[in-house]
N, C-alpha and C. Protein backbone atom coordinates (compact mmCIF):
# COMPACT_ATOMS: atom_id res chain seq x y z
N UNK A 1 0.86 -1.18 0.00
CA UNK A 1 0.00 0.00 0.00
C UNK A 1 0.90 1.24 0.00
N UNK A 2 0.67 2.15 -0.92
CA UNK A 2 1.52 3.35 -1.01
C UNK A 2 1.53 4.19 0.26
N UNK A 3 0.41 4.29 0.94
CA UNK A 3 0.35 5.10 2.16
C UNK A 3 1.29 4.53 3.22
N UNK A 4 1.30 3.21 3.34
CA UNK A 4 2.19 2.57 4.31
C UNK A 4 3.64 2.75 3.90
N UNK A 5 3.92 2.68 2.60
CA UNK A 5 5.28 2.90 2.11
C UNK A 5 5.73 4.32 2.42
N UNK A 6 4.84 5.29 2.24
CA UNK A 6 5.16 6.68 2.57
C UNK A 6 5.48 6.83 4.05
N UNK A 7 4.67 6.21 4.89
CA UNK A 7 4.91 6.30 6.34
C UNK A 7 6.24 5.65 6.70
N UNK A 8 6.56 4.53 6.06
CA UNK A 8 7.82 3.85 6.33
C UNK A 8 9.01 4.72 5.89
N UNK A 9 8.91 5.31 4.71
CA UNK A 9 9.97 6.20 4.24
C UNK A 9 10.12 7.41 5.15
N UNK A 10 9.00 7.94 5.61
CA UNK A 10 9.06 9.10 6.50
C UNK A 10 9.73 8.73 7.82
N UNK A 11 9.45 7.54 8.33
CA UNK A 11 10.11 7.10 9.56
C UNK A 11 11.62 6.97 9.34
N UNK A 12 12.02 6.44 8.19
CA UNK A 12 13.45 6.36 7.87
C UNK A 12 14.06 7.75 7.81
N UNK A 13 13.31 8.70 7.24
CA UNK A 13 13.78 10.08 7.16
C UNK A 13 13.97 10.65 8.56
N UNK A 14 13.01 10.42 9.44
CA UNK A 14 13.13 10.88 10.83
C UNK A 14 14.35 10.28 11.52
N UNK A 15 14.60 9.00 11.23
CA UNK A 15 15.75 8.32 11.85
C UNK A 15 17.07 8.88 11.35
N UNK A 16 17.12 9.30 10.09
CA UNK A 16 18.35 9.81 9.50
C UNK A 16 18.56 11.30 9.76
N UNK A 17 17.53 12.00 10.13
CA UNK A 17 17.65 13.45 10.39
C UNK A 17 17.24 13.70 11.85
N UNK A 18 18.15 13.43 12.77
CA UNK A 18 17.83 13.60 14.19
C UNK A 18 17.41 15.04 14.50
N UNK A 19 16.46 15.17 15.41
CA UNK A 19 15.93 16.50 15.74
C UNK A 19 17.02 17.44 16.23
N UNK A 20 18.03 16.93 16.91
CA UNK A 20 19.10 17.77 17.41
C UNK A 20 19.92 18.40 16.30
N UNK A 21 19.90 17.80 15.11
CA UNK A 21 20.66 18.32 13.98
C UNK A 21 19.79 19.12 13.02
N UNK A 22 18.49 19.12 13.22
CA UNK A 22 17.57 19.81 12.31
C UNK A 22 17.37 21.26 12.74
N UNK A 23 17.30 22.13 11.75
CA UNK A 23 17.02 23.55 12.01
C UNK A 23 15.53 23.71 12.32
N UNK A 24 15.16 24.88 12.76
CA UNK A 24 13.74 25.16 13.03
C UNK A 24 12.92 25.00 11.76
N UNK A 25 13.45 25.45 10.63
CA UNK A 25 12.76 25.32 9.34
C UNK A 25 12.57 23.85 8.98
N UNK A 26 13.62 23.05 9.18
CA UNK A 26 13.54 21.63 8.86
C UNK A 26 12.53 20.92 9.76
N UNK A 27 12.50 21.28 11.03
CA UNK A 27 11.53 20.70 11.96
C UNK A 27 10.11 21.05 11.54
N UNK A 28 9.90 22.30 11.12
CA UNK A 28 8.58 22.72 10.67
C UNK A 28 8.15 21.92 9.45
N UNK A 29 9.06 21.74 8.49
CA UNK A 29 8.74 20.98 7.28
C UNK A 29 8.45 19.51 7.62
N UNK A 30 9.22 18.95 8.53
CA UNK A 30 8.97 17.56 8.95
C UNK A 30 7.60 17.44 9.61
N UNK A 31 7.22 18.43 10.41
CA UNK A 31 5.90 18.43 11.04
C UNK A 31 4.80 18.52 9.99
N UNK A 32 5.01 19.34 8.96
CA UNK A 32 4.02 19.46 7.88
C UNK A 32 3.87 18.13 7.15
N UNK A 33 4.99 17.47 6.89
CA UNK A 33 4.94 16.18 6.20
C UNK A 33 4.21 15.15 7.07
N UNK A 34 4.53 15.13 8.35
CA UNK A 34 3.86 14.19 9.27
C UNK A 34 2.36 14.46 9.29
N UNK A 35 1.97 15.72 9.27
CA UNK A 35 0.56 16.08 9.28
C UNK A 35 -0.15 15.57 8.03
N UNK A 36 0.53 15.61 6.90
CA UNK A 36 -0.05 15.11 5.65
C UNK A 36 -0.21 13.60 5.66
N UNK A 37 0.60 12.91 6.42
CA UNK A 37 0.52 11.45 6.48
C UNK A 37 -0.39 11.02 7.63
N UNK A 38 -1.47 11.76 7.80
CA UNK A 38 -2.42 11.51 8.88
C UNK A 38 -3.19 10.21 8.64
N UNK A 39 -3.85 9.77 9.68
CA UNK A 39 -4.65 8.55 9.58
C UNK A 39 -5.89 8.80 8.73
N UNK A 40 -6.30 7.75 8.03
CA UNK A 40 -7.51 7.88 7.23
C UNK A 40 -8.68 8.17 8.15
N UNK A 41 -9.62 8.92 7.65
CA UNK A 41 -10.76 9.32 8.45
C UNK A 41 -10.57 10.70 9.07
N UNK A 42 -9.32 11.17 9.10
CA UNK A 42 -9.04 12.52 9.58
C UNK A 42 -9.19 13.48 8.42
N UNK A 43 -9.50 14.75 8.69
CA UNK A 43 -9.62 15.69 7.58
C UNK A 43 -8.29 15.90 6.87
N UNK A 44 -8.35 16.13 5.57
CA UNK A 44 -7.14 16.39 4.81
C UNK A 44 -6.56 17.73 5.21
N UNK A 45 -5.23 17.79 5.31
CA UNK A 45 -4.58 19.06 5.65
C UNK A 45 -4.69 20.08 4.52
N UNK A 46 -4.47 21.31 4.88
CA UNK A 46 -4.50 22.39 3.90
C UNK A 46 -3.08 22.67 3.42
N UNK A 47 -2.94 23.66 2.56
CA UNK A 47 -1.63 24.01 2.00
C UNK A 47 -0.64 24.33 3.10
N UNK A 48 0.64 24.14 2.88
CA UNK A 48 1.24 23.67 1.63
C UNK A 48 1.01 22.17 1.44
N UNK A 49 1.07 21.76 0.19
CA UNK A 49 0.81 20.36 -0.13
C UNK A 49 1.95 19.47 0.37
N UNK A 50 1.68 18.19 0.42
CA UNK A 50 2.69 17.23 0.83
C UNK A 50 3.90 17.32 -0.09
N UNK A 51 3.65 17.35 -1.40
CA UNK A 51 4.74 17.44 -2.37
C UNK A 51 5.56 18.71 -2.14
N UNK A 52 4.90 19.84 -1.93
CA UNK A 52 5.61 21.10 -1.71
C UNK A 52 6.47 21.04 -0.44
N UNK A 53 5.94 20.43 0.60
CA UNK A 53 6.67 20.32 1.86
C UNK A 53 7.91 19.45 1.68
N UNK A 54 7.76 18.32 0.97
CA UNK A 54 8.91 17.43 0.76
C UNK A 54 9.95 18.12 -0.12
N UNK A 55 9.50 18.79 -1.17
CA UNK A 55 10.45 19.50 -2.05
C UNK A 55 11.21 20.58 -1.29
N UNK A 56 10.52 21.31 -0.43
CA UNK A 56 11.18 22.36 0.37
C UNK A 56 12.20 21.74 1.32
N UNK A 57 11.84 20.62 1.93
CA UNK A 57 12.76 19.95 2.84
C UNK A 57 14.01 19.48 2.10
N UNK A 58 13.83 18.90 0.92
CA UNK A 58 14.98 18.45 0.12
C UNK A 58 15.91 19.62 -0.15
N UNK A 59 15.35 20.73 -0.59
CA UNK A 59 16.16 21.91 -0.87
C UNK A 59 16.93 22.39 0.35
N UNK A 60 16.35 22.20 1.52
CA UNK A 60 16.96 22.68 2.75
C UNK A 60 18.02 21.73 3.32
N UNK A 61 17.89 20.42 3.03
CA UNK A 61 18.80 19.46 3.67
C UNK A 61 19.81 18.81 2.73
N UNK A 62 19.67 18.97 1.43
CA UNK A 62 20.50 18.16 0.54
C UNK A 62 21.99 18.41 0.66
N UNK A 63 22.42 19.59 1.04
CA UNK A 63 23.85 19.87 1.19
C UNK A 63 24.41 19.27 2.48
N UNK A 64 23.73 19.50 3.59
CA UNK A 64 24.24 19.06 4.89
C UNK A 64 23.86 17.62 5.25
N UNK A 65 22.78 17.12 4.68
CA UNK A 65 22.28 15.78 5.02
C UNK A 65 21.91 15.02 3.74
N UNK A 66 22.90 14.64 2.93
CA UNK A 66 22.59 14.00 1.63
C UNK A 66 21.84 12.68 1.75
N UNK A 67 22.09 11.89 2.80
CA UNK A 67 21.36 10.63 2.95
C UNK A 67 19.88 10.89 3.24
N UNK A 68 19.63 11.87 4.08
CA UNK A 68 18.24 12.23 4.39
C UNK A 68 17.55 12.78 3.15
N UNK A 69 18.27 13.56 2.36
CA UNK A 69 17.70 14.10 1.12
C UNK A 69 17.35 12.98 0.16
N UNK A 70 18.18 11.94 0.10
CA UNK A 70 17.91 10.80 -0.78
C UNK A 70 16.62 10.09 -0.36
N UNK A 71 16.41 9.95 0.94
CA UNK A 71 15.18 9.34 1.44
C UNK A 71 13.98 10.21 1.08
N UNK A 72 14.12 11.53 1.24
CA UNK A 72 13.03 12.45 0.89
C UNK A 72 12.73 12.37 -0.61
N UNK A 73 13.76 12.19 -1.42
CA UNK A 73 13.53 12.04 -2.87
C UNK A 73 12.76 10.75 -3.16
N UNK A 74 13.01 9.70 -2.37
CA UNK A 74 12.24 8.46 -2.52
C UNK A 74 10.76 8.71 -2.20
N UNK A 75 10.52 9.57 -1.22
CA UNK A 75 9.14 9.93 -0.89
C UNK A 75 8.49 10.61 -2.10
N UNK A 76 9.22 11.54 -2.75
CA UNK A 76 8.69 12.19 -3.95
C UNK A 76 8.39 11.19 -5.05
N UNK A 77 9.26 10.21 -5.23
CA UNK A 77 9.05 9.19 -6.27
C UNK A 77 7.80 8.36 -5.96
N UNK A 78 7.61 8.05 -4.69
CA UNK A 78 6.42 7.30 -4.29
C UNK A 78 5.17 8.13 -4.53
N UNK A 79 5.23 9.41 -4.21
CA UNK A 79 4.09 10.31 -4.47
C UNK A 79 3.78 10.34 -5.96
N UNK A 80 4.81 10.44 -6.79
CA UNK A 80 4.61 10.48 -8.24
C UNK A 80 3.97 9.18 -8.73
N UNK A 81 4.38 8.05 -8.16
CA UNK A 81 3.85 6.77 -8.61
C UNK A 81 2.37 6.61 -8.27
N UNK A 82 1.89 7.35 -7.28
CA UNK A 82 0.46 7.26 -6.95
C UNK A 82 -0.31 8.49 -7.44
N UNK A 83 0.36 9.30 -8.24
CA UNK A 83 -0.32 10.42 -8.89
C UNK A 83 -0.46 11.67 -8.05
N UNK A 84 0.42 11.86 -7.09
CA UNK A 84 0.37 13.06 -6.25
C UNK A 84 1.54 13.94 -6.59
């Protein structure tokens, strides 16, 4: 299931980008992404979109945290495969 794959990738991203090393901006983007991966039955979040949040996070972390950026890019690929 793509939703479960997204949650799994997001957990890997959290594991690779420890909160102690994340900037306030990065923490905010991670919170936005987590909010988008809410449980079914909950209302859909508003803007920014999940894709926009992941893209912004990639731009912010790719220099200092290349492994985390690679995981975030996998999230984008998964989103693309399900049409998001």
